[in-house]
C-alpha atoms as a PDB file:
ATOM      1  CA  PHE A   1       9.306   1.813   1.683  1.00  0.00           C
ATOM      2  CA  CYS A   2      12.804   1.060   2.903  1.00  0.00           C
ATOM      3  CA  TYR A   3      16.062   2.776   3.763  1.00  0.00           C
ATOM      4  CA  PHE A   4      18.779   2.643   1.104  1.00  0.00           C
ATOM      5  CA  GLU A   5      22.057   4.445   1.607  1.00  0.00           C
ATOM      6  CA  GLY A   6      20.521   6.500   4.401  1.00  0.00           C
ATOM      7  CA  GLU A   7      17.457   7.635   2.465  1.00  0.00           C
ATOM      8  CA  ILE A   8      13.850   6.447   2.355  1.00  0.00           C
ATOM      9  CA  THR A   9      13.068   4.973  -1.026  1.00  0.00           C
ATOM     10  CA  LYS A  10      10.425   2.811  -2.677  1.00  0.00           C
ATOM     11  CA  ASP A  11      10.823  -0.874  -1.914  1.00  0.00           C
ATOM     12  CA  PRO A  12      10.881  -2.466  -5.394  1.00  0.00           C
ATOM     13  CA  HIS A  13       8.974  -5.529  -4.166  1.00  0.00           C
ATOM     14  CA  GLU A  14       6.300  -3.740  -2.114  1.00  0.00           C
ATOM     15  CA  PHE A  15       5.674  -0.436  -3.913  1.00  0.00           C
ATOM     16  CA  PRO A  16       3.574  -1.970  -6.736  1.00  0.00           C
ATOM     17  CA  THR A  17       1.235  -3.494  -4.139  1.00  0.00           C
ATOM     18  CA  LEU A  18       1.051  -0.163  -2.297  1.00  0.00           C
ATOM     19  CA  LYS A  19      -0.016   1.490  -5.554  1.00  0.00           C
ATOM     20  CA  ILE A  20      -2.739  -1.141  -6.021  1.00  0.00           C
ATOM     21  CA  ILE A  21      -4.030  -0.554  -2.499  1.00  0.00           C
ATOM     22  CA  HIS A  22      -4.017   3.200  -3.130  1.00  0.00           C
ATOM     23  CA  ARG A  23      -5.901   2.792  -6.421  1.00  0.00           C
ATOM     24  CA  LEU A  24      -8.560   0.581  -4.828  1.00  0.00           C
ATOM     25  CA  TRP A  25      -8.895   2.991  -1.884  1.00  0.00           C
ATOM     26  CA  SER A  26      -9.241   5.891  -4.351  1.00  0.00           C
ATOM     27  CA  GLU A  27     -12.053   3.944  -6.030  1.00  0.00           C
ATOM     28  CA  LYS A  28     -13.854   3.971  -2.653  1.00  0.00           C
ATOM     29  CA  LYS A  29     -13.418   0.234  -2.065  1.00  0.00           C
ATOM     30  CA  THR A  30     -13.861  -0.931   1.521  1.00  0.00           C
ATOM     31  CA  ILE A  31     -11.012  -2.479   3.512  1.00  0.00           C
ATOM     32  CA  HIS A  32     -12.704  -5.864   3.110  1.00  0.00           C
ATOM     33  CA  GLN A  33     -12.999  -5.419  -0.669  1.00  0.00           C
ATOM     34  CA  ILE A  34      -9.334  -4.375  -0.951  1.00  0.00           C
ATOM     35  CA  THR A  35      -8.200  -7.368   1.111  1.00  0.00           C
ATOM     36  CA  LYS A  36     -10.329  -9.691  -1.015  1.00  0.00           C
ATOM     37  CA  GLU A  37      -8.937  -8.281  -4.280  1.00  0.00           C
ATOM     38  CA  LEU A  38      -5.346  -8.631  -3.053  1.00  0.00           C
ATOM     39  CA  SER A  39      -6.091 -12.290  -2.279  1.00  0.00           C
ATOM     40  CA  GLN A  40      -7.674 -12.834  -5.688  1.00  0.00           C
ATOM     41  CA  MET A  41      -4.553 -11.331  -7.287  1.00  0.00           C
ATOM     42  CA  LYS A  42      -2.484 -13.742  -5.174  1.00  0.00           C
ATOM     43  CA  LEU A  43      -0.449 -10.862  -3.747  1.00  0.00           C
ATOM     44  CA  LYS A  44       1.262 -11.560  -0.449  1.00  0.00           C
ATOM     45  CA  SER A  45       2.231  -9.225   2.387  1.00  0.00           C
ATOM     46  CA  ARG A  46       5.884  -8.480   3.136  1.00  0.00           C
ATOM     47  CA  LEU A  47       5.937 -11.567   5.369  1.00  0.00           C
ATOM     48  CA  GLY A  48       4.742 -13.749   2.499  1.00  0.00           C
ATOM     49  CA  LYS A  49       1.313 -14.290   4.018  1.00  0.00           C
ATOM     50  CA  ALA A  50      -2.174 -13.428   2.859  1.00  0.00           C
ATOM     51  CA  TRP A  51      -3.176  -9.816   3.493  1.00  0.00           C
ATOM     52  CA  SER A  52      -5.087  -9.273   6.712  1.00  0.00           C
ATOM     53  CA  TRP A  53      -7.829  -6.733   7.227  1.00  0.00           C
ATOM     54  CA  ILE A  54      -5.784  -4.900   9.888  1.00  0.00           C
ATOM     55  CA  ALA A  55      -2.664  -4.633   7.688  1.00  0.00           C
ATOM     56  CA  VAL A  56      -4.684  -3.070   4.869  1.00  0.00           C
ATOM     57  CA  LYS A  57      -6.475  -0.809   7.369  1.00  0.00           C
ATOM     58  CA  LYS A  58      -3.138   0.516   8.672  1.00  0.00           C
ATOM     59  CA  ILE A  59      -1.993   1.376   5.140  1.00  0.00           C
ATOM     60  CA  VAL A  60      -5.307   3.019   4.240  1.00  0.00           C
ATOM     61  CA  THR A  61      -5.179   5.033   7.476  1.00  0.00           C
ATOM     62  CA  ARG A  62      -1.815   6.450   6.345  1.00  0.00           C
ATOM     63  CA  PHE A  63      -3.460   7.548   3.085  1.00  0.00           C
ATOM     64  CA  GLU A  64      -6.455   9.043   4.904  1.00  0.00           C
ATOM     65  CA  THR A  65      -4.305  11.004   7.365  1.00  0.00           C
ATOM     66  CA  LYS A  66      -2.022  12.060   4.509  1.00  0.00           C
ATOM     67  CA  LYS A  67       1.073  10.550   6.142  1.00  0.00           C
ATOM     68  CA  ILE A  68       1.783   8.982   2.749  1.00  0.00           C
ATOM     69  CA  ILE A  69       0.742  10.785  -0.403  1.00  0.00           C
ATOM     70  CA  LEU A  70       1.113   9.014  -3.742  1.00  0.00           C
ATOM     71  CA  HIS A  71       1.310  11.175  -6.829  1.00  0.00           C
ATOM     72  CA  SER A  72       1.178  10.179 -10.469  1.00  0.00           C
ATOM     73  CA  GLU A  73       4.148   8.449 -12.104  1.00  0.00           C
ATOM     74  CA  GLY A  74       5.248   6.790  -8.858  1.00  0.00           C
ATOM     75  CA  LYS A  75       6.069   9.985  -7.013  1.00  0.00           C
ATOM     76  CA  TYR A  76       5.373  10.049  -3.282  1.00  0.00           C
ATOM     77  CA  GLU A  77       5.833  12.168  -0.183  1.00  0.00           C
ATOM     78  CA  PHE A  78       5.790  11.603   3.545  1.00  0.00           C
ATOM     79  CA  ARG A  79       4.374  14.022   6.067  1.00  0.00           C
END
């Protein structure tokens, strides 16, 4: 996510990857499995590096604690 004109919005480069992480997490994949799949898909982190276990863990923790909730059709909410 990023700020655009004073509002939080989906980052067009990162949101698709976030949706993939969410889908894999919803399928009960482990952090290691998610990280491995992101590497196999050749997806890079926002810094252009390979995904690390801790970076994926931090995102998954936001899903688990419901700080980020992804809904169908790309809708989302923060809490």
